[in-house]
Amino acid sequence: MKVLNLQCASMHTFEGWFGSEDDYQSQRERGLVACPLCANTEVRKLPSAPRLNLGAAEPRSTQPASPAAPSASAGTTSPASSVPSVSTAEAVASGLAQVHPEAAEMVQEAWVKMVKHVIANTEDVGPNFAEEARKMHYGESEERNIRGQASIEETKDLLEEGIEVMPLPVPDALKGGLQ
């Protein structure tokens, strides 16, 4: 099994598991390796340290590592996300990732956590979002937390009517079952 740290063109980092380097190359060439957040198939490998299973070969030290020593998890990556469309926020996130990768990862993790919270605590009304928001605003239906899709024009109209809305791009990978 080969575990690779990967990054899509939108700077989302994630981990991929493959049977071998050849499996990775084959799947990548066929467009089967895609970012789990934005579905971008333009994926590259990131440098990663080899993982050697030497635990059985050497006895573990009972002394804790010195504070100056780097932690064992310093090179790990986790699923990350940013706004999946080209936007000012993504440009900032991309620049942040190039200058401060740890900070960018923290921002991306916070964004994913926020999106998961919104999904878990709202009702998806799909393309009926503008209609449902108006019904609640004008007292025609019970107020509840909703999410859905609205065009830019519908969003502008809602805001002009005093109905508070917030655009929140949700990657397809997060719309299904959350892990």
N, C-alpha and C. Protein backbone atom coordinates (compact mmCIF):
# COMPACT_ATOMS: atom_id res chain seq x y z
N MET A 1 0.85 -1.17 0.00
CA MET A 1 0.00 0.00 0.00
C MET A 1 0.89 1.24 0.00
N LYS A 2 0.55 2.20 -0.85
CA LYS A 2 1.31 3.44 -0.94
C LYS A 2 0.38 4.58 -0.56
N VAL A 3 0.76 5.35 0.45
CA VAL A 3 -0.02 6.49 0.92
C VAL A 3 0.69 7.75 0.45
N LEU A 4 -0.04 8.57 -0.31
CA LEU A 4 0.55 9.78 -0.88
C LEU A 4 -0.16 11.02 -0.36
N ASN A 5 0.60 12.06 -0.12
CA ASN A 5 0.05 13.38 0.17
C ASN A 5 -0.14 14.05 -1.18
N LEU A 6 -1.38 14.49 -1.46
CA LEU A 6 -1.71 15.05 -2.76
C LEU A 6 -2.26 16.47 -2.60
N GLN A 7 -2.20 17.23 -3.70
CA GLN A 7 -2.74 18.59 -3.70
C GLN A 7 -3.33 18.87 -5.08
N CYS A 8 -4.53 19.43 -5.09
CA CYS A 8 -5.16 19.79 -6.37
C CYS A 8 -4.72 21.19 -6.78
N ALA A 9 -5.11 21.60 -7.98
CA ALA A 9 -4.74 22.91 -8.50
C ALA A 9 -5.33 24.05 -7.67
N SER A 10 -6.38 23.76 -6.89
CA SER A 10 -6.99 24.78 -6.02
C SER A 10 -6.34 24.83 -4.64
N MET A 11 -5.22 24.12 -4.49
CA MET A 11 -4.42 24.12 -3.26
C MET A 11 -5.06 23.34 -2.11
N HIS A 12 -6.04 22.48 -2.38
CA HIS A 12 -6.61 21.61 -1.34
C HIS A 12 -5.66 20.43 -1.17
N THR A 13 -5.31 20.11 0.06
CA THR A 13 -4.44 18.97 0.31
C THR A 13 -5.26 17.82 0.85
N PHE A 14 -4.88 16.61 0.45
CA PHE A 14 -5.58 15.41 0.89
C PHE A 14 -4.66 14.22 0.75
N GLU A 15 -5.09 13.10 1.28
CA GLU A 15 -4.28 11.88 1.27
C GLU A 15 -4.92 10.88 0.32
N GLY A 16 -4.09 10.16 -0.43
CA GLY A 16 -4.59 9.11 -1.32
C GLY A 16 -3.87 7.80 -1.04
N TRP A 17 -4.61 6.71 -1.09
CA TRP A 17 -4.04 5.38 -0.85
C TRP A 17 -4.10 4.59 -2.14
N PHE A 18 -2.98 4.03 -2.54
CA PHE A 18 -2.87 3.29 -3.80
C PHE A 18 -2.11 2.00 -3.57
N GLY A 19 -2.36 1.02 -4.42
CA GLY A 19 -1.66 -0.26 -4.32
C GLY A 19 -0.19 -0.13 -4.62
N SER A 20 0.16 0.81 -5.50
CA SER A 20 1.55 1.01 -5.90
C SER A 20 1.67 2.36 -6.61
N GLU A 21 2.89 2.74 -6.92
CA GLU A 21 3.12 3.96 -7.68
C GLU A 21 2.48 3.85 -9.06
N ASP A 22 2.55 2.65 -9.66
CA ASP A 22 1.93 2.42 -10.97
C ASP A 22 0.42 2.61 -10.90
N ASP A 23 -0.21 2.14 -9.81
CA ASP A 23 -1.66 2.33 -9.65
C ASP A 23 -2.00 3.81 -9.60
N TYR A 24 -1.21 4.57 -8.85
CA TYR A 24 -1.44 6.01 -8.76
C TYR A 24 -1.34 6.65 -10.14
N GLN A 25 -0.24 6.37 -10.86
CA GLN A 25 -0.03 6.96 -12.18
C GLN A 25 -1.16 6.59 -13.14
N SER A 26 -1.55 5.32 -13.13
CA SER A 26 -2.61 4.84 -14.02
C SER A 26 -3.93 5.55 -13.72
N GLN A 27 -4.29 5.62 -12.44
CA GLN A 27 -5.55 6.27 -12.07
C GLN A 27 -5.52 7.77 -12.37
N ARG A 28 -4.38 8.39 -12.16
CA ARG A 28 -4.24 9.82 -12.43
C ARG A 28 -4.39 10.09 -13.93
N GLU A 29 -3.74 9.28 -14.76
CA GLU A 29 -3.82 9.45 -16.21
C GLU A 29 -5.24 9.27 -16.73
N ARG A 30 -6.02 8.42 -16.07
CA ARG A 30 -7.41 8.18 -16.50
C ARG A 30 -8.39 9.16 -15.87
N GLY A 31 -7.88 10.13 -15.09
CA GLY A 31 -8.74 11.13 -14.48
C GLY A 31 -9.53 10.61 -13.29
N LEU A 32 -9.06 9.53 -12.68
CA LEU A 32 -9.77 8.94 -11.55
C LEU A 32 -9.33 9.50 -10.20
N VAL A 33 -8.21 10.20 -10.17
CA VAL A 33 -7.74 10.81 -8.93
C VAL A 33 -8.25 12.24 -8.93
N ALA A 34 -9.15 12.54 -8.01
CA ALA A 34 -9.76 13.87 -7.95
C ALA A 34 -9.80 14.36 -6.52
N CYS A 35 -9.75 15.66 -6.38
CA CYS A 35 -9.85 16.29 -5.06
C CYS A 35 -11.21 15.96 -4.45
N PRO A 36 -11.25 15.49 -3.21
CA PRO A 36 -12.53 15.17 -2.59
C PRO A 36 -13.38 16.39 -2.25
N LEU A 37 -12.80 17.58 -2.34
CA LEU A 37 -13.55 18.78 -2.01
C LEU A 37 -14.08 19.52 -3.22
N CYS A 38 -13.28 19.60 -4.28
CA CYS A 38 -13.73 20.38 -5.44
C CYS A 38 -13.78 19.56 -6.72
N ALA A 39 -13.42 18.28 -6.64
CA ALA A 39 -13.46 17.35 -7.78
C ALA A 39 -12.47 17.70 -8.89
N ASN A 40 -11.51 18.55 -8.61
CA ASN A 40 -10.48 18.92 -9.58
C ASN A 40 -9.58 17.71 -9.81
N THR A 41 -9.36 17.33 -11.08
CA THR A 41 -8.51 16.18 -11.39
C THR A 41 -7.07 16.58 -11.69
N GLU A 42 -6.77 17.87 -11.60
CA GLU A 42 -5.39 18.32 -11.77
C GLU A 42 -4.71 18.19 -10.41
N VAL A 43 -4.10 17.02 -10.18
CA VAL A 43 -3.57 16.65 -8.87
C VAL A 43 -2.08 16.40 -8.98
N ARG A 44 -1.34 16.82 -7.95
CA ARG A 44 0.09 16.54 -7.91
C ARG A 44 0.45 15.96 -6.55
N LYS A 45 1.57 15.23 -6.53
CA LYS A 45 2.07 14.67 -5.28
C LYS A 45 2.83 15.75 -4.52
N LEU A 46 2.69 15.72 -3.21
CA LEU A 46 3.48 16.60 -2.35
C LEU A 46 4.61 15.79 -1.75
N PRO A 47 5.70 16.44 -1.40
CA PRO A 47 6.78 15.70 -0.75
C PRO A 47 6.29 15.13 0.58
N SER A 48 6.73 13.93 0.87
CA SER A 48 6.37 13.33 2.15
C SER A 48 7.50 12.43 2.60
N ALA A 49 7.63 12.32 3.89
CA ALA A 49 8.68 11.47 4.46
C ALA A 49 8.22 10.02 4.41
N PRO A 50 9.15 9.11 4.16
CA PRO A 50 8.75 7.70 4.16
C PRO A 50 8.37 7.26 5.56
N ARG A 51 7.45 6.34 5.64
CA ARG A 51 7.04 5.81 6.93
C ARG A 51 7.66 4.43 7.08
N LEU A 52 8.53 4.31 8.05
CA LEU A 52 9.19 3.04 8.30
C LEU A 52 8.64 2.44 9.58
N ASN A 53 8.26 1.19 9.53
CA ASN A 53 7.72 0.52 10.70
C ASN A 53 8.88 -0.12 11.46
N LEU A 54 9.52 0.65 12.30
CA LEU A 54 10.67 0.18 13.06
C LEU A 54 10.32 -0.02 14.53
N GLY A 55 9.07 0.05 14.87
CA GLY A 55 8.65 -0.06 16.26
C GLY A 55 9.07 -1.36 16.90
N ALA A 56 9.05 -2.46 16.17
CA ALA A 56 9.41 -3.76 16.73
C ALA A 56 10.92 -3.93 16.79
N ALA A 57 11.66 -3.20 15.97
CA ALA A 57 13.11 -3.37 15.90
C ALA A 57 13.83 -2.68 17.05
N GLU A 58 13.27 -1.58 17.55
CA GLU A 58 13.94 -0.83 18.60
C GLU A 58 13.00 -0.66 19.79
N PRO A 59 13.51 -0.84 21.00
CA PRO A 59 12.66 -0.60 22.17
C PRO A 59 12.34 0.89 22.27
N ARG A 60 11.15 1.17 22.74
CA ARG A 60 10.74 2.57 22.89
C ARG A 60 11.42 3.19 24.10
N SER A 61 11.78 4.44 23.94
CA SER A 61 12.40 5.18 25.02
C SER A 61 11.31 5.60 26.00
N THR A 62 11.62 5.55 27.28
CA THR A 62 10.65 5.99 28.28
C THR A 62 10.77 7.47 28.55
N GLN A 63 11.78 8.12 27.96
CA GLN A 63 11.95 9.55 28.16
C GLN A 63 11.15 10.30 27.11
N PRO A 64 10.42 11.34 27.53
CA PRO A 64 9.68 12.13 26.54
C PRO A 64 10.64 12.90 25.64
N ALA A 65 10.20 13.18 24.45
CA ALA A 65 11.01 13.96 23.51
C ALA A 65 11.22 15.35 24.08
N SER A 66 12.37 15.92 23.77
CA SER A 66 12.64 17.27 24.26
C SER A 66 11.73 18.25 23.55
N PRO A 67 11.38 19.36 24.19
CA PRO A 67 10.48 20.32 23.57
C PRO A 67 11.02 20.86 22.25
N ALA A 68 12.33 20.89 22.08
CA ALA A 68 12.91 21.42 20.84
C ALA A 68 12.80 20.43 19.69
N ALA A 69 12.56 19.15 20.00
CA ALA A 69 12.48 18.14 18.94
C ALA A 69 11.16 18.28 18.20
N PRO A 70 11.19 18.12 16.87
CA PRO A 70 9.95 18.22 16.12
C PRO A 70 9.04 17.05 16.45
N SER A 71 7.75 17.30 16.44
CA SER A 71 6.80 16.23 16.74
C SER A 71 6.70 15.28 15.57
N ALA A 72 6.26 14.06 15.84
CA ALA A 72 6.15 13.04 14.80
C ALA A 72 5.09 13.39 13.78
N SER A 73 4.14 14.23 14.17
CA SER A 73 3.06 14.55 13.25
C SER A 73 3.30 15.85 12.48
N ALA A 74 4.47 16.41 12.58
CA ALA A 74 4.73 17.70 11.94
C ALA A 74 4.55 17.65 10.43
N GLY A 75 4.76 16.50 9.81
CA GLY A 75 4.64 16.43 8.36
C GLY A 75 3.33 15.87 7.87
N THR A 76 2.38 15.62 8.75
CA THR A 76 1.13 15.02 8.30
C THR A 76 0.24 16.07 7.69
N THR A 77 -0.63 15.61 6.82
CA THR A 77 -1.62 16.52 6.23
C THR A 77 -2.99 15.96 6.52
N SER A 78 -3.97 16.79 6.45
CA SER A 78 -5.33 16.36 6.65
C SER A 78 -6.17 16.96 5.55
N PRO A 79 -7.41 16.43 5.34
CA PRO A 79 -8.24 17.01 4.30
C PRO A 79 -8.40 18.50 4.55
N ALA A 80 -8.31 19.25 3.50
CA ALA A 80 -8.42 20.69 3.66
C ALA A 80 -9.32 21.24 2.58
N SER A 81 -9.75 22.45 2.79
CA SER A 81 -10.69 23.00 1.85
C SER A 81 -10.59 24.51 1.86
N SER A 82 -11.00 25.11 0.76
CA SER A 82 -11.22 26.54 0.70
C SER A 82 -12.36 26.72 -0.27
N VAL A 83 -12.74 27.95 -0.53
CA VAL A 83 -13.83 28.19 -1.45
C VAL A 83 -13.50 27.55 -2.78
N PRO A 84 -14.37 26.65 -3.31
CA PRO A 84 -14.02 25.88 -4.48
C PRO A 84 -14.04 26.64 -5.80
N SER A 85 -14.53 27.86 -5.83
CA SER A 85 -14.51 28.61 -7.07
C SER A 85 -13.39 29.63 -7.01
N VAL A 86 -13.01 30.13 -8.17
CA VAL A 86 -11.96 31.14 -8.21
C VAL A 86 -12.53 32.42 -7.62
N SER A 87 -11.94 32.88 -6.55
CA SER A 87 -12.45 34.06 -5.87
C SER A 87 -11.30 34.76 -5.16
N THR A 88 -11.61 35.91 -4.63
CA THR A 88 -10.61 36.62 -3.84
C THR A 88 -10.18 35.79 -2.65
N ALA A 89 -11.15 35.14 -2.00
CA ALA A 89 -10.83 34.32 -0.83
C ALA A 89 -9.87 33.20 -1.20
N GLU A 90 -10.08 32.58 -2.36
CA GLU A 90 -9.19 31.50 -2.76
C GLU A 90 -7.82 32.04 -3.12
N ALA A 91 -7.77 33.19 -3.75
CA ALA A 91 -6.48 33.78 -4.09
C ALA A 91 -5.69 34.06 -2.81
N VAL A 92 -6.38 34.58 -1.80
CA VAL A 92 -5.73 34.84 -0.52
C VAL A 92 -5.28 33.53 0.10
N ALA A 93 -6.16 32.50 0.08
CA ALA A 93 -5.82 31.20 0.67
C ALA A 93 -4.64 30.58 -0.05
N SER A 94 -4.60 30.71 -1.37
CA SER A 94 -3.49 30.15 -2.14
C SER A 94 -2.19 30.84 -1.76
N GLY A 95 -2.22 32.16 -1.66
CA GLY A 95 -1.03 32.90 -1.26
C GLY A 95 -0.61 32.53 0.15
N LEU A 96 -1.59 32.38 1.03
CA LEU A 96 -1.30 31.98 2.41
C LEU A 96 -0.67 30.60 2.44
N ALA A 97 -1.18 29.69 1.61
CA ALA A 97 -0.65 28.32 1.58
C ALA A 97 0.80 28.30 1.12
N GLN A 98 1.15 29.20 0.22
CA GLN A 98 2.53 29.22 -0.28
C GLN A 98 3.48 29.82 0.75
N VAL A 99 3.01 30.79 1.52
CA VAL A 99 3.88 31.46 2.49
C VAL A 99 3.83 30.78 3.86
N HIS A 100 2.65 30.40 4.31
CA HIS A 100 2.46 29.79 5.63
C HIS A 100 1.56 28.56 5.49
N PRO A 101 2.10 27.42 5.06
CA PRO A 101 1.25 26.25 4.83
C PRO A 101 0.50 25.79 6.09
N GLU A 102 1.10 25.93 7.26
CA GLU A 102 0.42 25.50 8.49
C GLU A 102 -0.80 26.37 8.76
N ALA A 103 -0.66 27.68 8.57
CA ALA A 103 -1.78 28.59 8.80
C ALA A 103 -2.88 28.34 7.77
N ALA A 104 -2.49 28.09 6.53
CA ALA A 104 -3.48 27.82 5.49
C ALA A 104 -4.25 26.55 5.82
N GLU A 105 -3.56 25.54 6.31
CA GLU A 105 -4.22 24.29 6.67
C GLU A 105 -5.21 24.52 7.81
N MET A 106 -4.84 25.35 8.78
CA MET A 106 -5.75 25.64 9.89
C MET A 106 -7.00 26.37 9.39
N VAL A 107 -6.82 27.32 8.48
CA VAL A 107 -7.95 28.05 7.91
C VAL A 107 -8.85 27.09 7.14
N GLN A 108 -8.25 26.21 6.36
CA GLN A 108 -9.02 25.27 5.56
C GLN A 108 -9.78 24.29 6.46
N GLU A 109 -9.15 23.81 7.52
CA GLU A 109 -9.82 22.90 8.45
C GLU A 109 -11.00 23.59 9.13
N ALA A 110 -10.83 24.86 9.50
CA ALA A 110 -11.92 25.61 10.12
C ALA A 110 -13.08 25.79 9.15
N TRP A 111 -12.77 26.04 7.88
CA TRP A 111 -13.81 26.20 6.86
C TRP A 111 -14.60 24.91 6.70
N VAL A 112 -13.90 23.77 6.62
CA VAL A 112 -14.58 22.48 6.48
C VAL A 112 -15.46 22.22 7.69
N LYS A 113 -14.95 22.53 8.88
CA LYS A 113 -15.73 22.33 10.11
C LYS A 113 -17.00 23.18 10.08
N MET A 114 -16.87 24.43 9.63
CA MET A 114 -18.02 25.32 9.55
C MET A 114 -19.05 24.81 8.55
N VAL A 115 -18.60 24.37 7.38
CA VAL A 115 -19.51 23.85 6.36
C VAL A 115 -20.24 22.62 6.89
N LYS A 116 -19.52 21.73 7.55
CA LYS A 116 -20.15 20.53 8.12
C LYS A 116 -21.21 20.91 9.16
N HIS A 117 -20.92 21.93 9.97
CA HIS A 117 -21.88 22.40 10.97
C HIS A 117 -23.14 22.93 10.28
N VAL A 118 -22.97 23.72 9.24
CA VAL A 118 -24.11 24.26 8.51
C VAL A 118 -24.94 23.13 7.92
N ILE A 119 -24.30 22.16 7.29
CA ILE A 119 -25.02 21.05 6.68
C ILE A 119 -25.79 20.26 7.73
N ALA A 120 -25.16 20.02 8.88
CA ALA A 120 -25.80 19.22 9.93
C ALA A 120 -26.96 19.95 10.60
N ASN A 121 -26.99 21.27 10.54
CA ASN A 121 -27.98 22.04 11.29
C ASN A 121 -28.94 22.83 10.41
N THR A 122 -29.05 22.47 9.14
CA THR A 122 -29.97 23.16 8.24
C THR A 122 -30.73 22.15 7.39
N GLU A 123 -31.84 22.61 6.85
CA GLU A 123 -32.64 21.80 5.93
C GLU A 123 -32.29 22.24 4.51
N ASP A 124 -31.99 21.28 3.64
CA ASP A 124 -31.66 21.61 2.25
C ASP A 124 -32.95 21.74 1.46
N VAL A 125 -33.26 22.95 1.02
CA VAL A 125 -34.47 23.18 0.23
C VAL A 125 -34.15 23.29 -1.26
N GLY A 126 -32.89 23.05 -1.60
CA GLY A 126 -32.47 22.99 -3.00
C GLY A 126 -32.75 24.28 -3.76
N PRO A 127 -33.29 24.14 -4.98
CA PRO A 127 -33.52 25.33 -5.82
C PRO A 127 -34.68 26.19 -5.33
N ASN A 128 -35.41 25.75 -4.32
CA ASN A 128 -36.53 26.53 -3.77
C ASN A 128 -36.08 27.49 -2.67
N PHE A 129 -34.78 27.73 -2.56
CA PHE A 129 -34.26 28.54 -1.45
C PHE A 129 -34.90 29.92 -1.38
N ALA A 130 -34.91 30.66 -2.47
CA ALA A 130 -35.44 32.03 -2.45
C ALA A 130 -36.91 32.03 -2.04
N GLU A 131 -37.68 31.12 -2.60
CA GLU A 131 -39.11 31.03 -2.28
C GLU A 131 -39.32 30.71 -0.79
N GLU A 132 -38.58 29.74 -0.28
CA GLU A 132 -38.71 29.35 1.13
C GLU A 132 -38.27 30.48 2.06
N ALA A 133 -37.20 31.18 1.70
CA ALA A 133 -36.72 32.29 2.53
C ALA A 133 -37.77 33.40 2.60
N ARG A 134 -38.42 33.67 1.47
CA ARG A 134 -39.47 34.70 1.45
C ARG A 134 -40.66 34.27 2.32
N LYS A 135 -41.08 33.01 2.20
CA LYS A 135 -42.22 32.52 2.99
C LYS A 135 -41.94 32.70 4.49
N MET A 136 -40.74 32.37 4.91
CA MET A 136 -40.40 32.53 6.33
C MET A 136 -40.36 34.00 6.71
N HIS A 137 -39.77 34.83 5.86
CA HIS A 137 -39.63 36.26 6.14
C HIS A 137 -40.99 36.94 6.29
N TYR A 138 -41.94 36.56 5.45
CA TYR A 138 -43.26 37.19 5.47
C TYR A 138 -44.27 36.43 6.34
N GLY A 139 -43.80 35.46 7.14
CA GLY A 139 -44.66 34.75 8.07
C GLY A 139 -45.58 33.72 7.46
N GLU A 140 -45.33 33.32 6.23
CA GLU A 140 -46.18 32.33 5.56
C GLU A 140 -45.79 30.90 5.92
N SER A 141 -44.61 30.72 6.48
CA SER A 141 -44.19 29.40 6.95
C SER A 141 -43.33 29.57 8.20
N GLU A 142 -43.18 28.48 8.93
CA GLU A 142 -42.42 28.50 10.18
C GLU A 142 -40.95 28.77 9.91
N GLU A 143 -40.34 29.61 10.76
CA GLU A 143 -38.91 29.89 10.60
C GLU A 143 -38.09 28.67 10.97
N ARG A 144 -37.08 28.39 10.16
CA ARG A 144 -36.15 27.28 10.40
C ARG A 144 -34.86 27.60 9.67
N ASN A 145 -33.82 26.87 9.98
CA ASN A 145 -32.54 27.06 9.30
C ASN A 145 -32.58 26.31 7.98
N ILE A 146 -32.37 27.04 6.89
CA ILE A 146 -32.41 26.41 5.56
C ILE A 146 -31.15 26.73 4.79
N ARG A 147 -30.89 25.90 3.79
CA ARG A 147 -29.83 26.16 2.82
C ARG A 147 -30.34 25.67 1.47
N GLY A 148 -29.75 26.18 0.40
CA GLY A 148 -30.16 25.76 -0.93
C GLY A 148 -29.44 26.59 -1.97
N GLN A 149 -29.99 26.57 -3.17
CA GLN A 149 -29.36 27.29 -4.27
C GLN A 149 -30.23 28.48 -4.67
N ALA A 150 -29.55 29.57 -5.02
CA ALA A 150 -30.22 30.77 -5.52
C ALA A 150 -29.29 31.42 -6.53
N SER A 151 -29.88 32.00 -7.55
CA SER A 151 -29.06 32.71 -8.54
C SER A 151 -28.57 34.02 -7.92
N ILE A 152 -27.63 34.65 -8.59
CA ILE A 152 -27.13 35.93 -8.11
C ILE A 152 -28.27 36.95 -8.06
N GLU A 153 -29.10 36.93 -9.08
CA GLU A 153 -30.24 37.86 -9.13
C GLU A 153 -31.21 37.61 -7.97
N GLU A 154 -31.53 36.34 -7.71
CA GLU A 154 -32.41 36.01 -6.58
C GLU A 154 -31.80 36.46 -5.26
N THR A 155 -30.50 36.26 -5.12
CA THR A 155 -29.81 36.66 -3.90
C THR A 155 -29.88 38.17 -3.71
N LYS A 156 -29.65 38.93 -4.77
CA LYS A 156 -29.75 40.39 -4.69
C LYS A 156 -31.16 40.81 -4.30
N ASP A 157 -32.17 40.18 -4.92
CA ASP A 157 -33.56 40.51 -4.60
C ASP A 157 -33.88 40.24 -3.13
N LEU A 158 -33.41 39.11 -2.62
CA LEU A 158 -33.64 38.77 -1.21
C LEU A 158 -33.02 39.83 -0.30
N LEU A 159 -31.80 40.23 -0.60
CA LEU A 159 -31.12 41.24 0.22
C LEU A 159 -31.86 42.58 0.16
N GLU A 160 -32.36 42.96 -1.02
CA GLU A 160 -33.12 44.21 -1.17
C GLU A 160 -34.41 44.17 -0.37
N GLU A 161 -34.98 42.97 -0.19
CA GLU A 161 -36.21 42.81 0.59
C GLU A 161 -35.93 42.73 2.09
N GLY A 162 -34.66 42.82 2.47
CA GLY A 162 -34.31 42.76 3.88
C GLY A 162 -34.17 41.35 4.42
N ILE A 163 -34.04 40.39 3.53
CA ILE A 163 -33.88 38.99 3.93
C ILE A 163 -32.39 38.68 3.92
N GLU A 164 -31.87 38.34 5.11
CA GLU A 164 -30.44 38.08 5.24
C GLU A 164 -30.10 36.70 4.67
N VAL A 165 -29.14 36.69 3.76
CA VAL A 165 -28.65 35.44 3.17
C VAL A 165 -27.13 35.51 3.13
N MET A 166 -26.52 34.35 3.08
CA MET A 166 -25.06 34.29 3.00
C MET A 166 -24.66 33.22 2.00
N PRO A 167 -23.97 33.59 0.94
CA PRO A 167 -23.48 32.57 0.01
C PRO A 167 -22.47 31.67 0.71
N LEU A 168 -22.61 30.38 0.54
CA LEU A 168 -21.68 29.42 1.13
C LEU A 168 -21.48 28.28 0.14
N PRO A 169 -20.42 28.34 -0.65
CA PRO A 169 -20.16 27.24 -1.58
C PRO A 169 -19.91 25.95 -0.80
N VAL A 170 -20.63 24.90 -1.17
CA VAL A 170 -20.46 23.60 -0.53
C VAL A 170 -19.95 22.62 -1.59
N PRO A 171 -18.74 22.13 -1.44
CA PRO A 171 -18.21 21.16 -2.41
C PRO A 171 -19.09 19.92 -2.46
N ASP A 172 -19.23 19.34 -3.65
CA ASP A 172 -20.05 18.14 -3.82
C ASP A 172 -19.65 17.04 -2.85
N ALA A 173 -18.36 16.93 -2.56
CA ALA A 173 -17.89 15.88 -1.66
C ALA A 173 -18.46 16.02 -0.25
N LEU A 174 -18.84 17.22 0.15
CA LEU A 174 -19.40 17.42 1.48
C LEU A 174 -20.92 17.36 1.49
N LYS A 175 -21.56 17.34 0.32
CA LYS A 175 -23.01 17.33 0.26
C LYS A 175 -23.59 15.97 0.64
N GLY A 176 -22.84 14.91 0.36
CA GLY A 176 -23.32 13.57 0.69
C GLY A 176 -23.06 13.26 2.15
N GLY A 177 -22.78 12.00 2.42
CA GLY A 177 -22.48 11.59 3.79
C GLY A 177 -21.18 12.19 4.26
N LEU A 178 -21.21 12.80 5.41
CA LEU A 178 -20.01 13.42 5.96
C LEU A 178 -19.23 12.40 6.75
N GLN A 179 -17.92 12.45 6.60
CA GLN A 179 -17.07 11.50 7.32
C GLN A 179 -16.33 12.19 8.42
